[in-house]
Amino acid sequence: MSLAAVVWHWWIAPLLLGGGLLVFAATVVGYLKQVVQPRFPPKGYVPPTPLESSPTPEAVEGSPQPAALGEGAEVEASS
């Protein structure tokens, strides 16, 4: 019975080691991609200005328009 236990752990150990190394590598790559890369943009990158990055409601077709408050318009008081 002890011979089967010795043989069993010999083939499972490399699988566990390989899986652990893959998880570690994926964690490092994910950290570099999500945290470090945004801090250092590539050469020649020009960030968009706030006006270019967010379109106005008139530019977006079908977007809801806010109601304009003019003379005689009533404002509901929320209680």
N, C-alpha and C. Protein backbone atom coordinates (compact mmCIF):
# COMPACT_ATOMS: atom_id res chain seq x y z
N MET A 1 0.82 -1.19 0.00
CA MET A 1 0.00 0.00 0.00
C MET A 1 0.87 1.26 0.00
N SER A 2 1.97 1.28 0.70
CA SER A 2 2.80 2.47 0.74
C SER A 2 3.49 2.73 -0.60
N LEU A 3 3.69 1.69 -1.42
CA LEU A 3 4.29 1.87 -2.74
C LEU A 3 3.36 2.68 -3.64
N ALA A 4 2.07 2.48 -3.56
CA ALA A 4 1.10 3.22 -4.36
C ALA A 4 1.11 4.70 -3.96
N ALA A 5 1.28 5.00 -2.69
CA ALA A 5 1.30 6.38 -2.23
C ALA A 5 2.54 7.10 -2.76
N VAL A 6 3.68 6.40 -2.78
CA VAL A 6 4.91 7.01 -3.29
C VAL A 6 4.78 7.29 -4.78
N VAL A 7 4.26 6.33 -5.53
CA VAL A 7 4.09 6.52 -6.97
C VAL A 7 3.09 7.64 -7.24
N TRP A 8 2.00 7.71 -6.48
CA TRP A 8 0.98 8.71 -6.70
C TRP A 8 1.53 10.13 -6.52
N HIS A 9 2.31 10.37 -5.52
CA HIS A 9 2.77 11.75 -5.30
C HIS A 9 3.82 12.16 -6.32
N TRP A 10 4.47 11.20 -6.98
CA TRP A 10 5.46 11.57 -7.98
C TRP A 10 4.82 12.16 -9.23
N TRP A 11 3.66 11.70 -9.62
CA TRP A 11 3.07 12.25 -10.84
C TRP A 11 2.20 13.47 -10.55
N ILE A 12 1.68 13.61 -9.34
CA ILE A 12 0.83 14.77 -9.04
C ILE A 12 1.67 16.00 -8.71
N ALA A 13 2.87 15.81 -8.19
CA ALA A 13 3.72 16.95 -7.81
C ALA A 13 4.05 17.85 -8.99
N PRO A 14 4.47 17.32 -10.15
CA PRO A 14 4.75 18.23 -11.28
C PRO A 14 3.51 18.97 -11.78
N LEU A 15 2.35 18.32 -11.70
CA LEU A 15 1.12 19.01 -12.11
C LEU A 15 0.80 20.17 -11.17
N LEU A 16 0.94 19.95 -9.89
CA LEU A 16 0.69 21.03 -8.93
C LEU A 16 1.72 22.15 -9.07
N LEU A 17 2.96 21.79 -9.29
CA LEU A 17 4.01 22.80 -9.47
C LEU A 17 3.75 23.62 -10.73
N GLY A 18 3.42 22.94 -11.82
CA GLY A 18 3.13 23.66 -13.07
C GLY A 18 1.94 24.59 -12.94
N GLY A 19 0.88 24.10 -12.29
CA GLY A 19 -0.30 24.95 -12.08
C GLY A 19 0.01 26.15 -11.21
N GLY A 20 0.80 25.93 -10.17
CA GLY A 20 1.18 27.04 -9.29
C GLY A 20 2.02 28.08 -10.02
N LEU A 21 2.94 27.61 -10.87
CA LEU A 21 3.77 28.55 -11.65
C LEU A 21 2.92 29.33 -12.65
N LEU A 22 1.93 28.68 -13.27
CA LEU A 22 1.06 29.39 -14.20
C LEU A 22 0.22 30.45 -13.48
N VAL A 23 -0.28 30.13 -12.31
CA VAL A 23 -1.07 31.10 -11.55
C VAL A 23 -0.18 32.28 -11.13
N PHE A 24 1.04 32.00 -10.71
CA PHE A 24 1.96 33.07 -10.33
C PHE A 24 2.29 33.97 -11.53
N ALA A 25 2.58 33.36 -12.68
CA ALA A 25 2.91 34.14 -13.87
C ALA A 25 1.71 34.98 -14.32
N ALA A 26 0.51 34.41 -14.26
CA ALA A 26 -0.68 35.16 -14.66
C ALA A 26 -0.93 36.34 -13.72
N THR A 27 -0.63 36.17 -12.43
CA THR A 27 -0.79 37.26 -11.47
C THR A 27 0.18 38.39 -11.76
N VAL A 28 1.43 38.05 -12.05
CA VAL A 28 2.44 39.07 -12.35
C VAL A 28 2.08 39.81 -13.63
N VAL A 29 1.71 39.08 -14.68
CA VAL A 29 1.36 39.72 -15.96
C VAL A 29 0.12 40.60 -15.79
N GLY A 30 -0.87 40.13 -15.07
CA GLY A 30 -2.07 40.93 -14.84
C GLY A 30 -1.78 42.20 -14.06
N TYR A 31 -0.91 42.12 -13.08
CA TYR A 31 -0.52 43.31 -12.30
C TYR A 31 0.19 44.32 -13.20
N LEU A 32 1.13 43.83 -13.99
CA LEU A 32 1.87 44.74 -14.87
C LEU A 32 0.94 45.40 -15.88
N LYS A 33 0.00 44.64 -16.41
CA LYS A 33 -0.90 45.18 -17.43
C LYS A 33 -1.91 46.16 -16.83
N GLN A 34 -2.47 45.86 -15.67
CA GLN A 34 -3.53 46.68 -15.11
C GLN A 34 -3.04 47.84 -14.25
N VAL A 35 -1.87 47.71 -13.61
CA VAL A 35 -1.42 48.73 -12.67
C VAL A 35 -0.25 49.54 -13.23
N VAL A 36 0.76 48.87 -13.74
CA VAL A 36 1.97 49.57 -14.15
C VAL A 36 1.83 50.20 -15.53
N GLN A 37 1.23 49.51 -16.48
CA GLN A 37 1.14 50.04 -17.85
C GLN A 37 0.41 51.38 -17.93
N PRO A 38 -0.71 51.60 -17.24
CA PRO A 38 -1.36 52.91 -17.34
C PRO A 38 -0.50 54.06 -16.80
N ARG A 39 0.44 53.77 -15.92
CA ARG A 39 1.30 54.84 -15.39
C ARG A 39 2.32 55.31 -16.41
N PHE A 40 2.69 54.44 -17.34
CA PHE A 40 3.72 54.76 -18.33
C PHE A 40 3.16 54.52 -19.72
N PRO A 41 2.50 55.52 -20.30
CA PRO A 41 1.92 55.33 -21.64
C PRO A 41 3.01 55.18 -22.69
N PRO A 42 2.71 54.57 -23.83
CA PRO A 42 3.71 54.37 -24.88
C PRO A 42 4.18 55.70 -25.47
N LYS A 43 5.35 55.68 -26.11
CA LYS A 43 5.89 56.90 -26.74
C LYS A 43 4.95 57.38 -27.83
N GLY A 44 4.76 58.69 -27.90
CA GLY A 44 3.92 59.27 -28.92
C GLY A 44 2.44 59.29 -28.55
N TYR A 45 2.07 58.79 -27.38
CA TYR A 45 0.67 58.78 -26.96
C TYR A 45 0.26 60.18 -26.54
N VAL A 46 -0.83 60.66 -27.10
CA VAL A 46 -1.36 61.97 -26.74
C VAL A 46 -2.73 61.73 -26.10
N PRO A 47 -2.86 62.00 -24.80
CA PRO A 47 -4.16 61.77 -24.16
C PRO A 47 -5.21 62.72 -24.70
N PRO A 48 -6.44 62.26 -24.82
CA PRO A 48 -7.50 63.13 -25.34
C PRO A 48 -7.83 64.23 -24.34
N THR A 49 -8.22 65.37 -24.86
CA THR A 49 -8.64 66.45 -23.98
C THR A 49 -10.03 66.13 -23.46
N PRO A 50 -10.45 66.74 -22.37
CA PRO A 50 -11.79 66.43 -21.84
C PRO A 50 -12.91 66.68 -22.84
N LEU A 51 -12.77 67.67 -23.71
CA LEU A 51 -13.81 67.94 -24.69
C LEU A 51 -13.87 66.84 -25.75
N GLU A 52 -12.73 66.25 -26.10
CA GLU A 52 -12.72 65.21 -27.12
C GLU A 52 -13.19 63.87 -26.56
N SER A 53 -12.95 63.62 -25.28
CA SER A 53 -13.24 62.31 -24.73
C SER A 53 -14.71 62.13 -24.36
N SER A 54 -15.43 63.19 -24.06
CA SER A 54 -16.83 63.04 -23.68
C SER A 54 -17.70 63.83 -24.66
N PRO A 55 -18.52 63.13 -25.43
CA PRO A 55 -19.36 63.84 -26.40
C PRO A 55 -20.48 64.60 -25.71
N THR A 56 -20.92 65.65 -26.35
CA THR A 56 -22.02 66.44 -25.81
C THR A 56 -23.33 65.69 -26.08
N PRO A 57 -24.37 65.98 -25.31
CA PRO A 57 -25.65 65.28 -25.56
C PRO A 57 -26.19 65.52 -26.97
N GLU A 58 -25.91 66.69 -27.55
CA GLU A 58 -26.38 66.96 -28.91
C GLU A 58 -25.68 66.05 -29.91
N ALA A 59 -24.44 65.66 -29.60
CA ALA A 59 -23.68 64.83 -30.53
C ALA A 59 -24.12 63.38 -30.48
N VAL A 60 -24.71 62.97 -29.38
CA VAL A 60 -25.14 61.59 -29.24
C VAL A 60 -26.61 61.51 -29.61
N GLU A 61 -26.90 60.83 -30.70
CA GLU A 61 -28.27 60.76 -31.17
C GLU A 61 -29.08 59.83 -30.28
N GLY A 62 -30.25 60.26 -29.91
CA GLY A 62 -31.13 59.44 -29.10
C GLY A 62 -30.87 59.55 -27.61
N SER A 63 -29.96 60.42 -27.19
CA SER A 63 -29.71 60.56 -25.76
C SER A 63 -30.78 61.43 -25.13
N PRO A 64 -31.15 61.16 -23.89
CA PRO A 64 -32.19 61.97 -23.25
C PRO A 64 -31.68 63.39 -22.99
N GLN A 65 -32.52 64.35 -23.25
CA GLN A 65 -32.16 65.75 -23.07
C GLN A 65 -32.71 66.24 -21.74
N PRO A 66 -31.92 67.01 -20.99
CA PRO A 66 -32.45 67.56 -19.73
C PRO A 66 -33.49 68.62 -20.02
N ALA A 67 -34.48 68.72 -19.14
CA ALA A 67 -35.53 69.72 -19.31
C ALA A 67 -34.97 71.09 -18.94
N ALA A 68 -35.20 72.06 -19.81
CA ALA A 68 -34.72 73.42 -19.56
C ALA A 68 -35.69 74.14 -18.64
N LEU A 69 -35.14 74.86 -17.68
CA LEU A 69 -35.97 75.64 -16.77
C LEU A 69 -36.00 77.08 -17.26
N GLY A 70 -37.14 77.49 -17.70
CA GLY A 70 -37.29 78.87 -18.17
C GLY A 70 -38.26 79.61 -17.28
N GLU A 71 -38.75 80.72 -17.78
CA GLU A 71 -39.73 81.48 -17.00
C GLU A 71 -41.02 80.69 -16.89
N GLY A 72 -41.58 80.67 -15.74
CA GLY A 72 -42.85 79.99 -15.54
C GLY A 72 -42.70 78.48 -15.32
N ALA A 73 -41.52 77.98 -15.35
CA ALA A 73 -41.34 76.54 -15.13
C ALA A 73 -41.36 76.27 -13.64
N GLU A 74 -42.07 75.23 -13.28
CA GLU A 74 -42.17 74.89 -11.87
C GLU A 74 -41.13 73.82 -11.52
N VAL A 75 -40.55 74.00 -10.35
CA VAL A 75 -39.56 73.04 -9.87
C VAL A 75 -40.21 72.24 -8.76
N GLU A 76 -40.19 70.90 -8.89
CA GLU A 76 -40.78 70.07 -7.86
C GLU A 76 -39.84 69.98 -6.68
N ALA A 77 -40.38 70.15 -5.51
CA ALA A 77 -39.59 70.01 -4.29
C ALA A 77 -39.72 68.58 -3.81
N SER A 78 -38.59 67.93 -3.63
CA SER A 78 -38.65 66.57 -3.12
C SER A 78 -38.68 66.60 -1.60
N SER A 79 -39.52 65.79 -1.03
CA SER A 79 -39.65 65.82 0.43
C SER A 79 -39.04 64.60 1.05
